[in-house]
PDB file of N, CA and C in Angstrom:
ATOM      1  N   MET A   1      15.923 -13.608 -20.927  1.00  0.00           N
ATOM      2  CA  MET A   1      15.137 -13.862 -19.752  1.00  0.00           C
ATOM      3  C   MET A   1      14.972 -12.566 -18.966  1.00  0.00           C
ATOM      4  N   LYS A   2      13.751 -12.284 -18.556  1.00  0.00           N
ATOM      5  CA  LYS A   2      13.484 -11.061 -17.815  1.00  0.00           C
ATOM      6  C   LYS A   2      13.971 -11.195 -16.380  1.00  0.00           C
ATOM      7  N   ASP A   3      14.417 -10.067 -15.832  1.00  0.00           N
ATOM      8  CA  ASP A   3      14.850 -10.047 -14.435  1.00  0.00           C
ATOM      9  C   ASP A   3      13.608 -10.024 -13.553  1.00  0.00           C
ATOM     10  N   MET A   4      13.357 -11.094 -12.824  1.00  0.00           N
ATOM     11  CA  MET A   4      12.171 -11.199 -11.989  1.00  0.00           C
ATOM     12  C   MET A   4      12.516 -10.973 -10.517  1.00  0.00           C
ATOM     13  N   SER A   5      13.633 -10.301 -10.253  1.00  0.00           N
ATOM     14  CA  SER A   5      14.021 -10.059  -8.866  1.00  0.00           C
ATOM     15  C   SER A   5      13.038  -9.087  -8.218  1.00  0.00           C
ATOM     16  N   ARG A   6      12.943  -9.202  -6.917  1.00  0.00           N
ATOM     17  CA  ARG A   6      12.036  -8.343  -6.176  1.00  0.00           C
ATOM     18  C   ARG A   6      12.719  -7.020  -5.881  1.00  0.00           C
ATOM     19  N   SER A   7      11.952  -5.954  -5.937  1.00  0.00           N
ATOM     20  CA  SER A   7      12.502  -4.674  -5.517  1.00  0.00           C
ATOM     21  C   SER A   7      12.271  -4.536  -4.022  1.00  0.00           C
ATOM     22  N   ASN A   8      13.008  -3.672  -3.396  1.00  0.00           N
ATOM     23  CA  ASN A   8      12.926  -3.528  -1.951  1.00  0.00           C
ATOM     24  C   ASN A   8      12.214  -2.245  -1.560  1.00  0.00           C
ATOM     25  N   PHE A   9      11.320  -1.782  -2.375  1.00  0.00           N
ATOM     26  CA  PHE A   9      10.657  -0.525  -2.083  1.00  0.00           C
ATOM     27  C   PHE A   9       9.266  -0.508  -2.701  1.00  0.00           C
ATOM     28  N   THR A  10       8.458   0.375  -2.178  1.00  0.00           N
ATOM     29  CA  THR A  10       7.132   0.624  -2.724  1.00  0.00           C
ATOM     30  C   THR A  10       7.254   1.748  -3.744  1.00  0.00           C
ATOM     31  N   PRO A  11       6.675   1.612  -4.922  1.00  0.00           N
ATOM     32  CA  PRO A  11       6.620   2.749  -5.854  1.00  0.00           C
ATOM     33  C   PRO A  11       5.718   3.826  -5.238  1.00  0.00           C
ATOM     34  N   MET A  12       6.323   4.784  -4.524  1.00  0.00           N
ATOM     35  CA  MET A  12       5.564   5.717  -3.697  1.00  0.00           C
ATOM     36  C   MET A  12       4.639   6.621  -4.497  1.00  0.00           C
ATOM     37  N   GLU A  13       5.024   6.981  -5.712  1.00  0.00           N
ATOM     38  CA  GLU A  13       4.145   7.828  -6.520  1.00  0.00           C
ATOM     39  C   GLU A  13       2.817   7.110  -6.773  1.00  0.00           C
ATOM     40  N   ARG A  14       2.896   5.855  -7.162  1.00  0.00           N
ATOM     41  CA  ARG A  14       1.680   5.074  -7.419  1.00  0.00           C
ATOM     42  C   ARG A  14       0.921   4.833  -6.117  1.00  0.00           C
ATOM     43  N   PHE A  15       1.641   4.595  -5.019  1.00  0.00           N
ATOM     44  CA  PHE A  15       1.029   4.408  -3.709  1.00  0.00           C
ATOM     45  C   PHE A  15       0.152   5.618  -3.362  1.00  0.00           C
ATOM     46  N   HIS A  16       0.681   6.826  -3.561  1.00  0.00           N
ATOM     47  CA  HIS A  16      -0.092   8.034  -3.258  1.00  0.00           C
ATOM     48  C   HIS A  16      -1.258   8.223  -4.216  1.00  0.00           C
ATOM     49  N   GLU A  17      -1.119   7.829  -5.465  1.00  0.00           N
ATOM     50  CA  GLU A  17      -2.240   7.886  -6.406  1.00  0.00           C
ATOM     51  C   GLU A  17      -3.388   7.015  -5.915  1.00  0.00           C
ATOM     52  N   ILE A  18      -3.066   5.816  -5.428  1.00  0.00           N
ATOM     53  CA  ILE A  18      -4.099   4.911  -4.921  1.00  0.00           C
ATOM     54  C   ILE A  18      -4.759   5.519  -3.697  1.00  0.00           C
ATOM     55  N   LEU A  19      -3.956   6.054  -2.773  1.00  0.00           N
ATOM     56  CA  LEU A  19      -4.530   6.693  -1.579  1.00  0.00           C
ATOM     57  C   LEU A  19      -5.461   7.833  -1.969  1.00  0.00           C
ATOM     58  N   ASN A  20      -5.004   8.709  -2.854  1.00  0.00           N
ATOM     59  CA  ASN A  20      -5.814   9.848  -3.283  1.00  0.00           C
ATOM     60  C   ASN A  20      -7.119   9.401  -3.925  1.00  0.00           C
ATOM     61  N   GLY A  21      -7.077   8.316  -4.673  1.00  0.00           N
ATOM     62  CA  GLY A  21      -8.274   7.783  -5.324  1.00  0.00           C
ATOM     63  C   GLY A  21      -9.319   7.310  -4.329  1.00  0.00           C
ATOM     64  N   HIS A  22      -8.888   7.021  -3.105  1.00  0.00           N
ATOM     65  CA  HIS A  22      -9.814   6.587  -2.058  1.00  0.00           C
ATOM     66  C   HIS A  22     -10.094   7.701  -1.059  1.00  0.00           C
ATOM     67  N   GLY A  23      -9.646   8.929  -1.373  1.00  0.00           N
ATOM     68  CA  GLY A  23      -9.874  10.060  -0.484  1.00  0.00           C
ATOM     69  C   GLY A  23      -9.067   9.978   0.799  1.00  0.00           C
ATOM     70  N   LEU A  24      -7.912   9.323   0.760  1.00  0.00           N
ATOM     71  CA  LEU A  24      -7.086   9.145   1.953  1.00  0.00           C
ATOM     72  C   LEU A  24      -5.906  10.103   1.915  1.00  0.00           C
ATOM     73  N   VAL A  25      -5.388  10.418   3.091  1.00  0.00           N
ATOM     74  CA  VAL A  25      -4.246  11.316   3.214  1.00  0.00           C
ATOM     75  C   VAL A  25      -3.146  10.600   3.964  1.00  0.00           C
ATOM     76  N   GLY A  26      -1.939  10.677   3.451  1.00  0.00           N
ATOM     77  CA  GLY A  26      -0.799  10.069   4.136  1.00  0.00           C
ATOM     78  C   GLY A  26       0.160  11.143   4.616  1.00  0.00           C
ATOM     79  N   THR A  27       0.725  10.942   5.799  1.00  0.00           N
ATOM     80  CA  THR A  27       1.749  11.845   6.302  1.00  0.00           C
ATOM     81  C   THR A  27       3.001  11.036   6.522  1.00  0.00           C
ATOM     82  N   ASN A  28       4.131  11.609   6.187  1.00  0.00           N
ATOM     83  CA  ASN A  28       5.419  10.947   6.367  1.00  0.00           C
ATOM     84  C   ASN A  28       5.486   9.589   5.673  1.00  0.00           C
ATOM     85  N   HIS A  29       4.679   9.345   4.700  1.00  0.00           N
ATOM     86  CA  HIS A  29       4.643   8.081   3.966  1.00  0.00           C
ATOM     87  C   HIS A  29       4.341   6.902   4.890  1.00  0.00           C
ATOM     88  N   ILE A  30       3.824   7.155   6.073  1.00  0.00           N
ATOM     89  CA  ILE A  30       3.617   6.060   7.015  1.00  0.00           C
ATOM     90  C   ILE A  30       2.203   6.048   7.584  1.00  0.00           C
ATOM     91  N   ARG A  31       1.767   7.104   8.215  1.00  0.00           N
ATOM     92  CA  ARG A  31       0.461   7.121   8.876  1.00  0.00           C
ATOM     93  C   ARG A  31      -0.597   7.645   7.896  1.00  0.00           C
ATOM     94  N   ILE A  32      -1.652   6.855   7.695  1.00  0.00           N
ATOM     95  CA  ILE A  32      -2.677   7.179   6.717  1.00  0.00           C
ATOM     96  C   ILE A  32      -3.976   7.528   7.448  1.00  0.00           C
ATOM     97  N   PHE A  33      -4.565   8.660   7.073  1.00  0.00           N
ATOM     98  CA  PHE A  33      -5.783   9.160   7.706  1.00  0.00           C
ATOM     99  C   PHE A  33      -6.947   9.214   6.732  1.00  0.00           C
ATOM    100  N   ARG A  34      -8.150   9.101   7.281  1.00  0.00           N
ATOM    101  CA  ARG A  34      -9.376   9.337   6.513  1.00  0.00           C
ATOM    102  C   ARG A  34     -10.332  10.088   7.424  1.00  0.00           C
ATOM    103  N   ASP A  35     -10.804  11.239   6.965  1.00  0.00           N
ATOM    104  CA  ASP A  35     -11.716  12.079   7.741  1.00  0.00           C
ATOM    105  C   ASP A  35     -11.170  12.355   9.141  1.00  0.00           C
ATOM    106  N   GLY A  36      -9.861  12.627   9.230  1.00  0.00           N
ATOM    107  CA  GLY A  36      -9.230  12.952  10.497  1.00  0.00           C
ATOM    108  C   GLY A  36      -9.001  11.768  11.425  1.00  0.00           C
ATOM    109  N   ARG A  37      -9.308  10.572  10.977  1.00  0.00           N
ATOM    110  CA  ARG A  37      -9.159   9.367  11.797  1.00  0.00           C
ATOM    111  C   ARG A  37      -8.028   8.518  11.226  1.00  0.00           C
ATOM    112  N   LYS A  38      -7.158   8.003  12.128  1.00  0.00           N
ATOM    113  CA  LYS A  38      -6.085   7.119  11.666  1.00  0.00           C
ATOM    114  C   LYS A  38      -6.698   5.862  11.072  1.00  0.00           C
ATOM    115  N   MET A  39      -6.255   5.531   9.868  1.00  0.00           N
ATOM    116  CA  MET A  39      -6.779   4.348   9.200  1.00  0.00           C
ATOM    117  C   MET A  39      -5.783   3.192   9.265  1.00  0.00           C
ATOM    118  N   PHE A  40      -4.523   3.471   8.936  1.00  0.00           N
ATOM    119  CA  PHE A  40      -3.482   2.450   9.040  1.00  0.00           C
ATOM    120  C   PHE A  40      -2.107   3.091   8.974  1.00  0.00           C
ATOM    121  N   ASP A  41      -1.116   2.332   9.391  1.00  0.00           N
ATOM    122  CA  ASP A  41       0.288   2.711   9.239  1.00  0.00           C
ATOM    123  C   ASP A  41       0.869   1.850   8.132  1.00  0.00           C
ATOM    124  N   TYR A  42       1.749   2.447   7.331  1.00  0.00           N
ATOM    125  CA  TYR A  42       2.356   1.729   6.221  1.00  0.00           C
ATOM    126  C   TYR A  42       3.869   1.845   6.322  1.00  0.00           C
ATOM    127  N   TYR A  43       4.545   0.739   6.108  1.00  0.00           N
ATOM    128  CA  TYR A  43       5.998   0.665   6.184  1.00  0.00           C
ATOM    129  C   TYR A  43       6.534   0.337   4.795  1.00  0.00           C
ATOM    130  N   PRO A  44       6.943   1.374   4.028  1.00  0.00           N
ATOM    131  CA  PRO A  44       7.276   1.180   2.612  1.00  0.00           C
ATOM    132  C   PRO A  44       8.435   0.234   2.332  1.00  0.00           C
ATOM    133  N   LEU A  45       9.476   0.233   3.143  1.00  0.00           N
ATOM    134  CA  LEU A  45      10.605  -0.642   2.830  1.00  0.00           C
ATOM    135  C   LEU A  45      10.245  -2.106   2.964  1.00  0.00           C
ATOM    136  N   ARG A  46       9.345  -2.414   3.855  1.00  0.00           N
ATOM    137  CA  ARG A  46       8.931  -3.812   4.047  1.00  0.00           C
ATOM    138  C   ARG A  46       7.608  -4.116   3.375  1.00  0.00           C
ATOM    139  N   MET A  47       6.972  -3.101   2.838  1.00  0.00           N
ATOM    140  CA  MET A  47       5.657  -3.225   2.188  1.00  0.00           C
ATOM    141  C   MET A  47       4.653  -3.886   3.126  1.00  0.00           C
ATOM    142  N   LYS A  48       4.662  -3.424   4.375  1.00  0.00           N
ATOM    143  CA  LYS A  48       3.732  -3.936   5.377  1.00  0.00           C
ATOM    144  C   LYS A  48       2.782  -2.833   5.802  1.00  0.00           C
ATOM    145  N   LEU A  49       1.577  -3.241   6.105  1.00  0.00           N
ATOM    146  CA  LEU A  49       0.530  -2.327   6.505  1.00  0.00           C
ATOM    147  C   LEU A  49      -0.056  -2.841   7.823  1.00  0.00           C
ATOM    148  N   PHE A  50      -0.296  -1.927   8.776  1.00  0.00           N
ATOM    149  CA  PHE A  50      -0.864  -2.294  10.069  1.00  0.00           C
ATOM    150  C   PHE A  50      -2.103  -1.452  10.309  1.00  0.00           C
ATOM    151  N   ASP A  51      -3.261  -2.108  10.485  1.00  0.00           N
ATOM    152  CA  ASP A  51      -4.519  -1.377  10.683  1.00  0.00           C
ATOM    153  C   ASP A  51      -4.892  -1.252  12.164  1.00  0.00           C
ATOM    154  N   TYR A  52      -3.905  -1.420  13.041  1.00  0.00           N
ATOM    155  CA  TYR A  52      -4.070  -1.337  14.496  1.00  0.00           C
ATOM    156  C   TYR A  52      -4.743  -2.565  15.081  1.00  0.00           C
ATOM    157  N   HIS A  53      -5.008  -3.556  14.242  1.00  0.00           N
ATOM    158  CA  HIS A  53      -5.508  -4.861  14.676  1.00  0.00           C
ATOM    159  C   HIS A  53      -4.713  -5.984  14.011  1.00  0.00           C
ATOM    160  N   ASN A  54      -4.446  -5.823  12.712  1.00  0.00           N
ATOM    161  CA  ASN A  54      -3.803  -6.872  11.915  1.00  0.00           C
ATOM    162  C   ASN A  54      -2.665  -6.301  11.075  1.00  0.00           C
ATOM    163  N   TRP A  55      -1.705  -7.170  10.764  1.00  0.00           N
ATOM    164  CA  TRP A  55      -0.629  -6.855   9.836  1.00  0.00           C
ATOM    165  C   TRP A  55      -0.963  -7.461   8.480  1.00  0.00           C
ATOM    166  N   TYR A  56      -0.598  -6.746   7.411  1.00  0.00           N
ATOM    167  CA  TYR A  56      -0.776  -7.233   6.044  1.00  0.00           C
ATOM    168  C   TYR A  56       0.558  -7.090   5.319  1.00  0.00           C
ATOM    169  N   GLN A  57       0.934  -8.107   4.582  1.00  0.00           N
ATOM    170  CA  GLN A  57       2.151  -8.070   3.768  1.00  0.00           C
ATOM    171  C   GLN A  57       1.751  -7.964   2.309  1.00  0.00           C
ATOM    172  N   LEU A  58       2.159  -6.883   1.653  1.00  0.00           N
ATOM    173  CA  LEU A  58       1.896  -6.737   0.227  1.00  0.00           C
ATOM    174  C   LEU A  58       2.980  -7.464  -0.559  1.00  0.00           C
ATOM    175  N   THR A  59       2.635  -7.935  -1.737  1.00  0.00           N
ATOM    176  CA  THR A  59       3.580  -8.606  -2.620  1.00  0.00           C
ATOM    177  C   THR A  59       4.590  -7.589  -3.137  1.00  0.00           C
ATOM    178  N   TYR A  60       5.864  -7.912  -3.045  1.00  0.00           N
ATOM    179  CA  TYR A  60       6.897  -7.021  -3.566  1.00  0.00           C
ATOM    180  C   TYR A  60       6.789  -6.942  -5.086  1.00  0.00           C
ATOM    181  N   PRO A  61       6.904  -5.723  -5.637  1.00  0.00           N
ATOM    182  CA  PRO A  61       6.879  -5.617  -7.103  1.00  0.00           C
ATOM    183  C   PRO A  61       8.158  -6.191  -7.698  1.00  0.00           C
ATOM    184  N   SER A  62       8.031  -6.839  -8.825  1.00  0.00           N
ATOM    185  CA  SER A  62       9.185  -7.365  -9.554  1.00  0.00           C
ATOM    186  C   SER A  62       9.427  -6.493 -10.770  1.00  0.00           C
ATOM    187  N   PHE A  63      10.676  -6.334 -11.119  1.00  0.00           N
ATOM    188  CA  PHE A  63      10.984  -5.582 -12.328  1.00  0.00           C
ATOM    189  C   PHE A  63      10.419  -6.356 -13.518  1.00  0.00           C
ATOM    190  N   GLY A  64       9.702  -5.665 -14.368  1.00  0.00           N
ATOM    191  CA  GLY A  64       9.087  -6.309 -15.514  1.00  0.00           C
ATOM    192  C   GLY A  64       7.755  -6.952 -15.187  1.00  0.00           C
ATOM    193  N   ASN A  65       7.331  -6.873 -13.936  1.00  0.00           N
ATOM    194  CA  ASN A  65       6.070  -7.475 -13.508  1.00  0.00           C
ATOM    195  C   ASN A  65       4.938  -6.519 -13.854  1.00  0.00           C
ATOM    196  N   VAL A  66       4.071  -6.925 -14.740  1.00  0.00           N
ATOM    197  CA  VAL A  66       2.999  -6.038 -15.188  1.00  0.00           C
ATOM    198  C   VAL A  66       1.671  -6.296 -14.476  1.00  0.00           C
ATOM    199  N   ASP A  67       1.592  -7.329 -13.647  1.00  0.00           N
ATOM    200  CA  ASP A  67       0.303  -7.622 -13.014  1.00  0.00           C
ATOM    201  C   ASP A  67      -0.015  -6.684 -11.859  1.00  0.00           C
ATOM    202  N   ARG A  68       0.967  -5.986 -11.317  1.00  0.00           N
ATOM    203  CA  ARG A  68       0.760  -4.991 -10.268  1.00  0.00           C
ATOM    204  C   ARG A  68      -0.033  -5.557  -9.091  1.00  0.00           C
ATOM    205  N   LYS A  69       0.324  -6.744  -8.678  1.00  0.00           N
ATOM    206  CA  LYS A  69      -0.395  -7.422  -7.617  1.00  0.00           C
ATOM    207  C   LYS A  69      -0.451  -6.601  -6.329  1.00  0.00           C
ATOM    208  N   TRP A  70       0.652  -5.921  -5.976  1.00  0.00           N
ATOM    209  CA  TRP A  70       0.671  -5.137  -4.748  1.00  0.00           C
ATOM    210  C   TRP A  70      -0.389  -4.041  -4.785  1.00  0.00           C
ATOM    211  N   GLU A  71      -0.642  -3.466  -5.966  1.00  0.00           N
ATOM    212  CA  GLU A  71      -1.657  -2.417  -6.093  1.00  0.00           C
ATOM    213  C   GLU A  71      -3.050  -2.985  -5.822  1.00  0.00           C
ATOM    214  N   GLN A  72      -3.325  -4.148  -6.380  1.00  0.00           N
ATOM    215  CA  GLN A  72      -4.621  -4.797  -6.142  1.00  0.00           C
ATOM    216  C   GLN A  72      -4.796  -5.126  -4.670  1.00  0.00           C
ATOM    217  N   GLU A  73      -3.741  -5.645  -4.045  1.00  0.00           N
ATOM    218  CA  GLU A  73      -3.807  -5.990  -2.620  1.00  0.00           C
ATOM    219  C   GLU A  73      -4.065  -4.743  -1.774  1.00  0.00           C
ATOM    220  N   LEU A  74      -3.356  -3.651  -2.066  1.00  0.00           N
ATOM    221  CA  LEU A  74      -3.534  -2.409  -1.323  1.00  0.00           C
ATOM    222  C   LEU A  74      -4.962  -1.890  -1.473  1.00  0.00           C
ATOM    223  N   GLN A  75      -5.473  -1.895  -2.694  1.00  0.00           N
ATOM    224  CA  GLN A  75      -6.833  -1.401  -2.915  1.00  0.00           C
ATOM    225  C   GLN A  75      -7.870  -2.266  -2.203  1.00  0.00           C
ATOM    226  N   GLU A  76      -7.686  -3.580  -2.199  1.00  0.00           N
ATOM    227  CA  GLU A  76      -8.617  -4.474  -1.501  1.00  0.00           C
ATOM    228  C   GLU A  76      -8.605  -4.215   0.007  1.00  0.00           C
ATOM    229  N   ILE A  77      -7.412  -4.010   0.578  1.00  0.00           N
ATOM    230  CA  ILE A  77      -7.310  -3.730   2.011  1.00  0.00           C
ATOM    231  C   ILE A  77      -7.980  -2.398   2.339  1.00  0.00           C
ATOM    232  N   ILE A  78      -7.726  -1.381   1.535  1.00  0.00           N
ATOM    233  CA  ILE A  78      -8.345  -0.074   1.768  1.00  0.00           C
ATOM    234  C   ILE A  78      -9.857  -0.177   1.695  1.00  0.00           C
ATOM    235  N   CYS A  79     -10.384  -0.885   0.713  1.00  0.00           N
ATOM    236  CA  CYS A  79     -11.845  -1.049   0.600  1.00  0.00           C
ATOM    237  C   CYS A  79     -12.410  -1.777   1.826  1.00  0.00           C
ATOM    238  N   ARG A  80     -11.715  -2.811   2.286  1.00  0.00           N
ATOM    239  CA  ARG A  80     -12.152  -3.550   3.466  1.00  0.00           C
ATOM    240  C   ARG A  80     -12.179  -2.653   4.709  1.00  0.00           C
ATOM    241  N   LEU A  81     -11.102  -1.878   4.886  1.00  0.00           N
ATOM    242  CA  LEU A  81     -11.022  -0.999   6.048  1.00  0.00           C
ATOM    243  C   LEU A  81     -12.034   0.150   5.965  1.00  0.00           C
ATOM    244  N   SER A  82     -12.304   0.628   4.763  1.00  0.00           N
ATOM    245  CA  SER A  82     -13.266   1.721   4.575  1.00  0.00           C
ATOM    246  C   SER A  82     -14.685   1.272   4.884  1.00  0.00           C
ATOM    247  N   ALA A  83     -14.971   0.005   4.610  1.00  0.00           N
ATOM    248  CA  ALA A  83     -16.315  -0.532   4.846  1.00  0.00           C
ATOM    249  C   ALA A  83     -16.572  -0.829   6.321  1.00  0.00           C
ATOM    250  N   ALA A  84     -15.486  -0.946   7.081  1.00  0.00           N
ATOM    251  CA  ALA A  84     -15.636  -1.301   8.505  1.00  0.00           C
ATOM    252  C   ALA A  84     -16.124  -0.135   9.346  1.00  0.00           C
TER     253      ALA A  84
END
């Protein structure tokens, strides 16, 4: 049986790859900017994102979990915020 326990952290390397793919810059792994404008704050230990209006909870990655749901959620939020 595979260990389906939740991890308590964001895979930060992949997180930065996603940000870079959207032309975003992160400082201190928390405050994310686009074109010099604050876009959102990210809290890696809790996998929460705050866009200065709403909070979003990303799905915690599970060991052995190949669906990468948190990555899809992050990309959808970034696309939504970029379109606004």
